[in-house]
Amino acid sequence: MLPVDILQNMRVPGLTIAFIILNIVIAVLLPIALFVWLKVKYKARFIPALLGAGMLFAFGILQLLFLRLFQLGMLISVWPTPVFNIILYIVIMCLCAGLFTETGRFIAFTWILKRDIGEIKTPLAYGAGYGIMGIAIVMSALGRLSYATLINNGQIVNRSLSDDFIVELIDFAQTNSFDLLLIGVRFILIFTLYICLSVLVWLAVMRKQYLLYPAAILLHALTFVPAILFDLRVLENAWFVMGLTALCVLITAALIWYIYAKIPNRAPVLLEPEFEREPPSP
């Protein structure tokens, strides 16, 4: 049977379509809702959010260029065995995820956002800017919705499509609906992680606790370990990987909250020495 004949008898489940729409709603409304809340509660400015989006884009390009060189083997050819190559691959991929992103935050809070550096709304608004990641989810989801419409309406038969593309549509139609839900879940986790790490780097700059900057890189890297292991097929269950990622994000968020509570976000008030104070009036 030809691929087009197989596809003609297939339908995309309604649950799959519902989860695709849900992913769009999450990717669009979550960043907007966060910024609106910050605007209403803290009178946050739009500049930090815009800068967060810009830094993610700029340093994301630098990261992709570096990883492209790495994946071509230009940085691992000196290692003698595949085992070393795999270990180095995991280390480099995880550290790059933290190094480039956290460096962008550090530069933004140190030199660009000096005006608002003393207020918690700044790193929260900066983190909200990472909602730009949702554009990729929305574009991908709209493409899947168009595929679902073509398949369910039987419009594939009347189109001249390559066999490779038809096979891709068959794979999409056979995708487990709950696997698509992972896209929205992952966005929520990564978005939460980026906001928490924005607060940590902000604390590093505001309170001059500069060791928190490499700590942010390390936490970022460790959180991405399950995803890299999944890419290497060391871990094969996507929901298990997402559970590990969620655990890492929760631990990171709790740790950063603890650090935030221990490091005051305002300069301490200096009291006058006792001998300089005026004696109380009788």
C-alpha atoms as a PDB file:
ATOM      1  CA  MET A   1       0.000   0.000   0.000  1.00  0.00           C
ATOM      2  CA  LEU A   2       1.321   3.447  -0.927  1.00  0.00           C
ATOM      3  CA  PRO A   3       1.997   5.977   1.861  1.00  0.00           C
ATOM      4  CA  VAL A   4      -0.737   8.273   0.545  1.00  0.00           C
ATOM      5  CA  ASP A   5      -3.275   5.418   0.741  1.00  0.00           C
ATOM      6  CA  ILE A   6      -2.273   4.750   4.356  1.00  0.00           C
ATOM      7  CA  LEU A   7      -2.623   8.420   5.232  1.00  0.00           C
ATOM      8  CA  GLN A   8      -6.028   8.638   3.555  1.00  0.00           C
ATOM      9  CA  ASN A   9      -7.452   6.246   6.120  1.00  0.00           C
ATOM     10  CA  MET A  10      -5.889   7.990   9.132  1.00  0.00           C
ATOM     11  CA  ARG A  11      -7.220  10.752  11.350  1.00  0.00           C
ATOM     12  CA  VAL A  12      -5.558  12.989  13.920  1.00  0.00           C
ATOM     13  CA  PRO A  13      -7.255  12.460  17.318  1.00  0.00           C
ATOM     14  CA  GLY A  14      -9.136  15.352  18.855  1.00  0.00           C
ATOM     15  CA  LEU A  15      -6.984  15.066  21.994  1.00  0.00           C
ATOM     16  CA  THR A  16      -3.874  15.681  19.898  1.00  0.00           C
ATOM     17  CA  ILE A  17      -5.415  18.840  18.463  1.00  0.00           C
ATOM     18  CA  ALA A  18      -6.494  19.949  21.940  1.00  0.00           C
ATOM     19  CA  PHE A  19      -2.959  19.556  23.312  1.00  0.00           C
ATOM     20  CA  ILE A  20      -1.502  21.470  20.362  1.00  0.00           C
ATOM     21  CA  ILE A  21      -3.877  24.358  21.079  1.00  0.00           C
ATOM     22  CA  LEU A  22      -3.030  24.124  24.787  1.00  0.00           C
ATOM     23  CA  ASN A  23       0.664  24.468  23.960  1.00  0.00           C
ATOM     24  CA  ILE A  24      -0.093  27.665  22.048  1.00  0.00           C
ATOM     25  CA  VAL A  25      -2.105  29.039  24.968  1.00  0.00           C
ATOM     26  CA  ILE A  26       0.704  28.243  27.435  1.00  0.00           C
ATOM     27  CA  ALA A  27       3.439  29.724  25.246  1.00  0.00           C
ATOM     28  CA  VAL A  28       1.505  32.952  24.657  1.00  0.00           C
ATOM     29  CA  LEU A  29      -0.368  33.596  27.893  1.00  0.00           C
ATOM     30  CA  LEU A  30       2.219  32.561  30.497  1.00  0.00           C
ATOM     31  CA  PRO A  31       4.812  35.289  29.707  1.00  0.00           C
ATOM     32  CA  ILE A  32       2.100  37.890  29.145  1.00  0.00           C
ATOM     33  CA  ALA A  33       0.347  37.038  32.418  1.00  0.00           C
ATOM     34  CA  LEU A  34       3.624  37.264  34.326  1.00  0.00           C
ATOM     35  CA  PHE A  35       4.506  40.663  32.919  1.00  0.00           C
ATOM     36  CA  VAL A  36       0.987  42.043  33.457  1.00  0.00           C
ATOM     37  CA  TRP A  37       1.190  40.890  37.091  1.00  0.00           C
ATOM     38  CA  LEU A  38       4.582  42.573  37.491  1.00  0.00           C
ATOM     39  CA  LYS A  39       3.262  45.739  35.885  1.00  0.00           C
ATOM     40  CA  VAL A  40       0.242  45.897  38.179  1.00  0.00           C
ATOM     41  CA  LYS A  41       1.973  44.861  41.404  1.00  0.00           C
ATOM     42  CA  TYR A  42       5.453  46.353  41.020  1.00  0.00           C
ATOM     43  CA  LYS A  43       5.045  48.946  38.231  1.00  0.00           C
ATOM     44  CA  ALA A  44       7.678  47.025  36.259  1.00  0.00           C
ATOM     45  CA  ARG A  45       9.080  48.593  33.115  1.00  0.00           C
ATOM     46  CA  PHE A  46       9.060  46.873  29.742  1.00  0.00           C
ATOM     47  CA  ILE A  47      12.771  47.519  29.115  1.00  0.00           C
ATOM     48  CA  PRO A  48      14.073  44.585  31.253  1.00  0.00           C
ATOM     49  CA  ALA A  49      11.696  42.156  29.524  1.00  0.00           C
ATOM     50  CA  LEU A  50      12.735  43.443  26.102  1.00  0.00           C
ATOM     51  CA  LEU A  51      16.384  43.164  27.093  1.00  0.00           C
ATOM     52  CA  GLY A  52      15.853  39.617  28.367  1.00  0.00           C
ATOM     53  CA  ALA A  53      14.406  38.615  24.994  1.00  0.00           C
ATOM     54  CA  GLY A  54      17.238  40.342  23.136  1.00  0.00           C
ATOM     55  CA  MET A  55      19.966  38.765  25.265  1.00  0.00           C
ATOM     56  CA  LEU A  56      18.435  35.324  24.838  1.00  0.00           C
ATOM     57  CA  PHE A  57      18.447  35.795  21.088  1.00  0.00           C
ATOM     58  CA  ALA A  58      21.978  37.259  20.876  1.00  0.00           C
ATOM     59  CA  PHE A  59      23.704  34.810  23.188  1.00  0.00           C
ATOM     60  CA  GLY A  60      21.621  31.974  21.767  1.00  0.00           C
ATOM     61  CA  ILE A  61      23.178  32.641  18.365  1.00  0.00           C
ATOM     62  CA  LEU A  62      26.663  32.641  19.900  1.00  0.00           C
ATOM     63  CA  GLN A  63      25.881  29.369  21.656  1.00  0.00           C
ATOM     64  CA  LEU A  64      24.611  27.769  18.449  1.00  0.00           C
ATOM     65  CA  LEU A  65      27.741  28.846  16.568  1.00  0.00           C
ATOM     66  CA  PHE A  66      29.988  27.383  19.241  1.00  0.00           C
ATOM     67  CA  LEU A  67      28.022  24.145  19.448  1.00  0.00           C
ATOM     68  CA  ARG A  68      28.047  23.861  15.670  1.00  0.00           C
ATOM     69  CA  LEU A  69      31.841  23.903  15.722  1.00  0.00           C
ATOM     70  CA  PHE A  70      31.837  21.420  18.566  1.00  0.00           C
ATOM     71  CA  GLN A  71      29.440  19.039  16.851  1.00  0.00           C
ATOM     72  CA  LEU A  72      31.576  19.091  13.729  1.00  0.00           C
ATOM     73  CA  GLY A  73      34.289  17.525  15.828  1.00  0.00           C
ATOM     74  CA  MET A  74      36.655  20.488  15.807  1.00  0.00           C
ATOM     75  CA  LEU A  75      36.914  20.487  19.600  1.00  0.00           C
ATOM     76  CA  ILE A  76      36.897  16.760  20.371  1.00  0.00           C
ATOM     77  CA  SER A  77      39.257  15.328  17.774  1.00  0.00           C
ATOM     78  CA  VAL A  78      42.148  15.286  20.286  1.00  0.00           C
ATOM     79  CA  TRP A  79      40.410  12.744  22.522  1.00  0.00           C
ATOM     80  CA  PRO A  80      41.516   9.184  21.842  1.00  0.00           C
ATOM     81  CA  THR A  81      38.357   7.128  22.479  1.00  0.00           C
ATOM     82  CA  PRO A  82      34.579   7.514  21.916  1.00  0.00           C
ATOM     83  CA  VAL A  83      33.990   7.306  25.677  1.00  0.00           C
ATOM     84  CA  PHE A  84      35.948  10.499  26.238  1.00  0.00           C
ATOM     85  CA  ASN A  85      34.088  12.090  23.338  1.00  0.00           C
ATOM     86  CA  ILE A  86      30.699  11.252  24.853  1.00  0.00           C
ATOM     87  CA  ILE A  87      31.680  12.527  28.290  1.00  0.00           C
ATOM     88  CA  LEU A  88      33.099  15.701  26.788  1.00  0.00           C
ATOM     89  CA  TYR A  89      29.946  16.112  24.697  1.00  0.00           C
ATOM     90  CA  ILE A  90      27.721  15.951  27.779  1.00  0.00           C
ATOM     91  CA  VAL A  91      29.922  18.377  29.733  1.00  0.00           C
ATOM     92  CA  ILE A  92      30.228  20.891  26.896  1.00  0.00           C
ATOM     93  CA  MET A  93      26.550  20.806  25.951  1.00  0.00           C
ATOM     94  CA  CYS A  94      25.386  21.295  29.537  1.00  0.00           C
ATOM     95  CA  LEU A  95      27.925  23.970  30.425  1.00  0.00           C
ATOM     96  CA  CYS A  96      27.224  25.910  27.237  1.00  0.00           C
ATOM     97  CA  ALA A  97      23.545  26.036  28.089  1.00  0.00           C
ATOM     98  CA  GLY A  98      24.476  27.806  31.325  1.00  0.00           C
ATOM     99  CA  LEU A  99      27.569  29.763  30.314  1.00  0.00           C
ATOM    100  CA  PHE A 100      26.112  31.759  27.450  1.00  0.00           C
ATOM    101  CA  THR A 101      22.710  32.433  29.003  1.00  0.00           C
ATOM    102  CA  GLU A 102      24.008  33.364  32.463  1.00  0.00           C
ATOM    103  CA  THR A 103      26.739  35.550  30.979  1.00  0.00           C
ATOM    104  CA  GLY A 104      24.065  37.458  29.097  1.00  0.00           C
ATOM    105  CA  ARG A 105      22.204  37.989  32.372  1.00  0.00           C
ATOM    106  CA  PHE A 106      25.362  39.043  34.178  1.00  0.00           C
ATOM    107  CA  ILE A 107      26.203  41.637  31.504  1.00  0.00           C
ATOM    108  CA  ALA A 108      22.633  42.957  31.508  1.00  0.00           C
ATOM    109  CA  PHE A 109      22.430  43.408  35.291  1.00  0.00           C
ATOM    110  CA  THR A 110      25.980  44.758  35.628  1.00  0.00           C
ATOM    111  CA  TRP A 111      26.078  47.381  32.903  1.00  0.00           C
ATOM    112  CA  ILE A 112      22.698  47.873  31.222  1.00  0.00           C
ATOM    113  CA  LEU A 113      20.059  47.726  33.965  1.00  0.00           C
ATOM    114  CA  LYS A 114      21.824  49.818  36.614  1.00  0.00           C
ATOM    115  CA  ARG A 115      18.794  52.073  36.982  1.00  0.00           C
ATOM    116  CA  ASP A 116      16.571  49.267  38.271  1.00  0.00           C
ATOM    117  CA  ILE A 117      19.150  46.947  39.808  1.00  0.00           C
ATOM    118  CA  GLY A 118      17.931  47.383  43.392  1.00  0.00           C
ATOM    119  CA  GLU A 119      14.416  46.016  42.898  1.00  0.00           C
ATOM    120  CA  ILE A 120      13.216  42.431  42.576  1.00  0.00           C
ATOM    121  CA  LYS A 121      10.908  43.392  39.728  1.00  0.00           C
ATOM    122  CA  THR A 122      13.954  43.780  37.463  1.00  0.00           C
ATOM    123  CA  PRO A 123      15.075  40.112  37.327  1.00  0.00           C
ATOM    124  CA  LEU A 124      11.449  38.959  37.240  1.00  0.00           C
ATOM    125  CA  ALA A 125      10.686  41.212  34.271  1.00  0.00           C
ATOM    126  CA  TYR A 126      13.974  40.185  32.648  1.00  0.00           C
ATOM    127  CA  GLY A 127      12.963  36.554  33.062  1.00  0.00           C
ATOM    128  CA  ALA A 128       9.558  37.291  31.564  1.00  0.00           C
ATOM    129  CA  GLY A 129      11.401  38.347  28.419  1.00  0.00           C
ATOM    130  CA  TYR A 130      12.442  34.753  27.945  1.00  0.00           C
ATOM    131  CA  GLY A 131       8.859  34.138  26.917  1.00  0.00           C
ATOM    132  CA  ILE A 132      10.141  34.857  23.418  1.00  0.00           C
ATOM    133  CA  MET A 133      11.007  31.146  23.419  1.00  0.00           C
ATOM    134  CA  GLY A 134       7.298  30.572  22.977  1.00  0.00           C
ATOM    135  CA  ILE A 135       7.456  31.886  19.399  1.00  0.00           C
ATOM    136  CA  ALA A 136       9.086  28.655  18.262  1.00  0.00           C
ATOM    137  CA  ILE A 137       6.392  26.634  20.031  1.00  0.00           C
ATOM    138  CA  VAL A 138       3.604  28.685  18.470  1.00  0.00           C
ATOM    139  CA  MET A 139       5.045  28.409  14.958  1.00  0.00           C
ATOM    140  CA  SER A 140       5.547  24.662  15.317  1.00  0.00           C
ATOM    141  CA  ALA A 141       2.068  24.200  16.772  1.00  0.00           C
ATOM    142  CA  LEU A 142       0.448  26.159  13.936  1.00  0.00           C
ATOM    143  CA  GLY A 143       2.243  23.901  11.480  1.00  0.00           C
ATOM    144  CA  ARG A 144       0.920  20.813  13.265  1.00  0.00           C
ATOM    145  CA  LEU A 145      -2.598  22.252  13.237  1.00  0.00           C
ATOM    146  CA  SER A 146      -2.366  22.754   9.483  1.00  0.00           C
ATOM    147  CA  TYR A 147      -1.201  19.141   9.111  1.00  0.00           C
ATOM    148  CA  ALA A 148      -4.097  17.929  11.244  1.00  0.00           C
ATOM    149  CA  THR A 149      -6.567  19.917   9.123  1.00  0.00           C
ATOM    150  CA  LEU A 150      -5.184  18.490   5.880  1.00  0.00           C
ATOM    151  CA  ILE A 151      -5.290  14.930   7.193  1.00  0.00           C
ATOM    152  CA  ASN A 152      -8.725  15.049   8.826  1.00  0.00           C
ATOM    153  CA  ASN A 153     -10.338  16.795   5.850  1.00  0.00           C
ATOM    154  CA  GLY A 154      -8.863  14.305   3.391  1.00  0.00           C
ATOM    155  CA  GLN A 155      -7.095  17.059   1.436  1.00  0.00           C
ATOM    156  CA  ILE A 156      -3.831  15.120   1.200  1.00  0.00           C
ATOM    157  CA  VAL A 157      -5.088  12.923  -1.654  1.00  0.00           C
ATOM    158  CA  ASN A 158      -5.631  15.867  -3.958  1.00  0.00           C
ATOM    159  CA  ARG A 159      -2.146  17.284  -3.419  1.00  0.00           C
ATOM    160  CA  SER A 160       1.140  16.442  -5.073  1.00  0.00           C
ATOM    161  CA  LEU A 161       3.376  15.660  -2.109  1.00  0.00           C
ATOM    162  CA  SER A 162       6.648  13.811  -1.815  1.00  0.00           C
ATOM    163  CA  ASP A 163       6.661  10.386  -0.209  1.00  0.00           C
ATOM    164  CA  ASP A 164       9.038  11.650   2.498  1.00  0.00           C
ATOM    165  CA  PHE A 165       6.600  14.372   3.487  1.00  0.00           C
ATOM    166  CA  ILE A 166       3.689  11.928   3.509  1.00  0.00           C
ATOM    167  CA  VAL A 167       5.680   9.603   5.769  1.00  0.00           C
ATOM    168  CA  GLU A 168       6.288  12.577   8.062  1.00  0.00           C
ATOM    169  CA  LEU A 169       2.539  13.235   8.162  1.00  0.00           C
ATOM    170  CA  ILE A 170       1.892   9.579   8.988  1.00  0.00           C
ATOM    171  CA  ASP A 171       4.344   9.781  11.884  1.00  0.00           C
ATOM    172  CA  PHE A 172       2.585  12.905  13.111  1.00  0.00           C
ATOM    173  CA  ALA A 173      -0.856  11.271  12.898  1.00  0.00           C
ATOM    174  CA  GLN A 174       0.428   8.302  14.886  1.00  0.00           C
ATOM    175  CA  THR A 175       2.090  10.428  17.584  1.00  0.00           C
ATOM    176  CA  ASN A 176       0.883   9.795  21.116  1.00  0.00           C
ATOM    177  CA  SER A 177      -1.271  12.759  22.112  1.00  0.00           C
ATOM    178  CA  PHE A 178       0.327  13.020  25.549  1.00  0.00           C
ATOM    179  CA  ASP A 179       3.797  13.272  24.008  1.00  0.00           C
ATOM    180  CA  LEU A 180       2.723  16.596  22.497  1.00  0.00           C
ATOM    181  CA  LEU A 181       1.681  17.768  25.948  1.00  0.00           C
ATOM    182  CA  LEU A 182       5.351  17.482  26.929  1.00  0.00           C
ATOM    183  CA  ILE A 183       6.077  20.547  24.793  1.00  0.00           C
ATOM    184  CA  GLY A 184       3.956  22.801  26.988  1.00  0.00           C
ATOM    185  CA  VAL A 185       5.198  21.177  30.203  1.00  0.00           C
ATOM    186  CA  ARG A 186       8.819  21.680  29.159  1.00  0.00           C
ATOM    187  CA  PHE A 187       8.144  25.340  28.329  1.00  0.00           C
ATOM    188  CA  ILE A 188       6.702  25.918  31.808  1.00  0.00           C
ATOM    189  CA  LEU A 189       9.726  24.263  33.451  1.00  0.00           C
ATOM    190  CA  ILE A 190      12.358  26.097  31.396  1.00  0.00           C
ATOM    191  CA  PHE A 191      10.527  29.414  31.761  1.00  0.00           C
ATOM    192  CA  THR A 192      10.419  28.932  35.541  1.00  0.00           C
ATOM    193  CA  LEU A 193      14.099  27.973  35.604  1.00  0.00           C
ATOM    194  CA  TYR A 194      15.127  31.068  33.641  1.00  0.00           C
ATOM    195  CA  ILE A 195      13.214  33.363  35.977  1.00  0.00           C
ATOM    196  CA  CYS A 196      14.807  31.763  39.055  1.00  0.00           C
ATOM    197  CA  LEU A 197      18.305  31.975  37.582  1.00  0.00           C
ATOM    198  CA  SER A 198      17.671  35.609  36.650  1.00  0.00           C
ATOM    199  CA  VAL A 199      17.030  36.282  40.333  1.00  0.00           C
ATOM    200  CA  LEU A 200      20.233  34.441  41.296  1.00  0.00           C
ATOM    201  CA  VAL A 201      22.441  36.399  38.880  1.00  0.00           C
ATOM    202  CA  TRP A 202      20.699  39.604  39.961  1.00  0.00           C
ATOM    203  CA  LEU A 203      21.650  38.803  43.567  1.00  0.00           C
ATOM    204  CA  ALA A 204      25.232  38.181  42.466  1.00  0.00           C
ATOM    205  CA  VAL A 205      25.434  41.668  40.974  1.00  0.00           C
ATOM    206  CA  MET A 206      23.301  43.600  43.459  1.00  0.00           C
ATOM    207  CA  ARG A 207      24.933  42.242  46.617  1.00  0.00           C
ATOM    208  CA  LYS A 208      28.370  41.722  45.003  1.00  0.00           C
ATOM    209  CA  GLN A 209      28.201  38.004  45.784  1.00  0.00           C
ATOM    210  CA  TYR A 210      29.942  37.159  42.530  1.00  0.00           C
ATOM    211  CA  LEU A 211      30.304  33.453  43.290  1.00  0.00           C
ATOM    212  CA  LEU A 212      26.566  33.209  42.644  1.00  0.00           C
ATOM    213  CA  TYR A 213      27.282  33.820  38.947  1.00  0.00           C
ATOM    214  CA  PRO A 214      29.238  30.564  38.403  1.00  0.00           C
ATOM    215  CA  ALA A 215      26.725  28.887  40.726  1.00  0.00           C
ATOM    216  CA  ALA A 216      23.986  29.925  38.293  1.00  0.00           C
ATOM    217  CA  ILE A 217      25.971  28.437  35.400  1.00  0.00           C
ATOM    218  CA  LEU A 218      26.390  25.161  37.289  1.00  0.00           C
ATOM    219  CA  LEU A 219      22.718  24.943  38.290  1.00  0.00           C
ATOM    220  CA  HIS A 220      21.686  25.684  34.722  1.00  0.00           C
ATOM    221  CA  ALA A 221      24.020  22.987  33.418  1.00  0.00           C
ATOM    222  CA  LEU A 222      22.852  20.344  35.884  1.00  0.00           C
ATOM    223  CA  THR A 223      19.214  20.974  35.003  1.00  0.00           C
ATOM    224  CA  PHE A 224      19.929  20.257  31.345  1.00  0.00           C
ATOM    225  CA  VAL A 225      21.689  16.930  32.002  1.00  0.00           C
ATOM    226  CA  PRO A 226      18.504  14.799  31.648  1.00  0.00           C
ATOM    227  CA  ALA A 227      17.700  16.405  28.272  1.00  0.00           C
ATOM    228  CA  ILE A 228      21.209  15.747  26.936  1.00  0.00           C
ATOM    229  CA  LEU A 229      21.067  12.142  28.128  1.00  0.00           C
ATOM    230  CA  PHE A 230      17.742  11.812  26.300  1.00  0.00           C
ATOM    231  CA  ASP A 231      19.290  13.177  23.100  1.00  0.00           C
ATOM    232  CA  LEU A 232      22.044  10.553  23.410  1.00  0.00           C
ATOM    233  CA  ARG A 233      19.427   7.813  23.994  1.00  0.00           C
ATOM    234  CA  VAL A 234      20.932   7.044  27.386  1.00  0.00           C
ATOM    235  CA  LEU A 235      17.464   7.792  28.742  1.00  0.00           C
ATOM    236  CA  GLU A 236      14.606   6.841  26.424  1.00  0.00           C
ATOM    237  CA  ASN A 237      11.398   7.608  28.319  1.00  0.00           C
ATOM    238  CA  ALA A 238      10.428  11.224  27.627  1.00  0.00           C
ATOM    239  CA  TRP A 239       8.117  11.485  30.642  1.00  0.00           C
ATOM    240  CA  PHE A 240      10.831  10.139  32.942  1.00  0.00           C
ATOM    241  CA  VAL A 241      13.247  12.738  31.564  1.00  0.00           C
ATOM    242  CA  MET A 242      10.647  15.451  32.095  1.00  0.00           C
ATOM    243  CA  GLY A 243      10.164  14.261  35.672  1.00  0.00           C
ATOM    244  CA  LEU A 244      13.901  14.507  36.328  1.00  0.00           C
ATOM    245  CA  THR A 245      13.945  17.969  34.776  1.00  0.00           C
ATOM    246  CA  ALA A 246      11.012  19.048  36.952  1.00  0.00           C
ATOM    247  CA  LEU A 247      12.824  17.768  40.039  1.00  0.00           C
ATOM    248  CA  CYS A 248      15.957  19.714  39.084  1.00  0.00           C
ATOM    249  CA  VAL A 249      13.929  22.881  38.518  1.00  0.00           C
ATOM    250  CA  LEU A 250      12.134  22.528  41.869  1.00  0.00           C
ATOM    251  CA  ILE A 251      15.416  21.985  43.730  1.00  0.00           C
ATOM    252  CA  THR A 252      16.995  24.945  41.934  1.00  0.00           C
ATOM    253  CA  ALA A 253      14.007  27.189  42.696  1.00  0.00           C
ATOM    254  CA  ALA A 254      14.016  26.191  46.381  1.00  0.00           C
ATOM    255  CA  LEU A 255      17.759  26.791  46.653  1.00  0.00           C
ATOM    256  CA  ILE A 256      17.529  30.212  45.022  1.00  0.00           C
ATOM    257  CA  TRP A 257      14.605  31.146  47.267  1.00  0.00           C
ATOM    258  CA  TYR A 258      16.711  30.157  50.278  1.00  0.00           C
ATOM    259  CA  ILE A 259      19.633  32.279  49.034  1.00  0.00           C
ATOM    260  CA  TYR A 260      17.308  35.200  48.344  1.00  0.00           C
ATOM    261  CA  ALA A 261      15.913  34.992  51.882  1.00  0.00           C
ATOM    262  CA  LYS A 262      19.421  34.881  53.383  1.00  0.00           C
ATOM    263  CA  ILE A 263      20.878  37.736  51.323  1.00  0.00           C
ATOM    264  CA  PRO A 264      18.999  40.986  51.967  1.00  0.00           C
ATOM    265  CA  ASN A 265      17.948  42.796  48.831  1.00  0.00           C
ATOM    266  CA  ARG A 266      18.480  46.197  50.361  1.00  0.00           C
ATOM    267  CA  ALA A 267      21.526  47.842  51.795  1.00  0.00           C
ATOM    268  CA  PRO A 268      21.696  47.472  55.578  1.00  0.00           C
ATOM    269  CA  VAL A 269      20.879  50.476  57.732  1.00  0.00           C
ATOM    270  CA  LEU A 270      23.929  51.531  59.756  1.00  0.00           C
ATOM    271  CA  LEU A 271      23.188  52.504  63.349  1.00  0.00           C
ATOM    272  CA  GLU A 272      25.078  55.244  65.111  1.00  0.00           C
ATOM    273  CA  PRO A 273      27.451  54.131  67.883  1.00  0.00           C
ATOM    274  CA  GLU A 274      26.052  54.378  71.371  1.00  0.00           C
ATOM    275  CA  PHE A 275      28.490  57.100  72.494  1.00  0.00           C
ATOM    276  CA  GLU A 276      27.461  59.368  69.605  1.00  0.00           C
ATOM    277  CA  ARG A 277      23.767  59.271  70.387  1.00  0.00           C
ATOM    278  CA  GLU A 278      22.182  62.008  72.414  1.00  0.00           C
ATOM    279  CA  PRO A 279      21.078  60.889  75.859  1.00  0.00           C
ATOM    280  CA  PRO A 280      17.326  60.533  76.196  1.00  0.00           C
ATOM    281  CA  SER A 281      15.590  63.573  77.617  1.00  0.00           C
ATOM    282  CA  PRO A 282      14.330  63.209  81.176  1.00  0.00           C
END
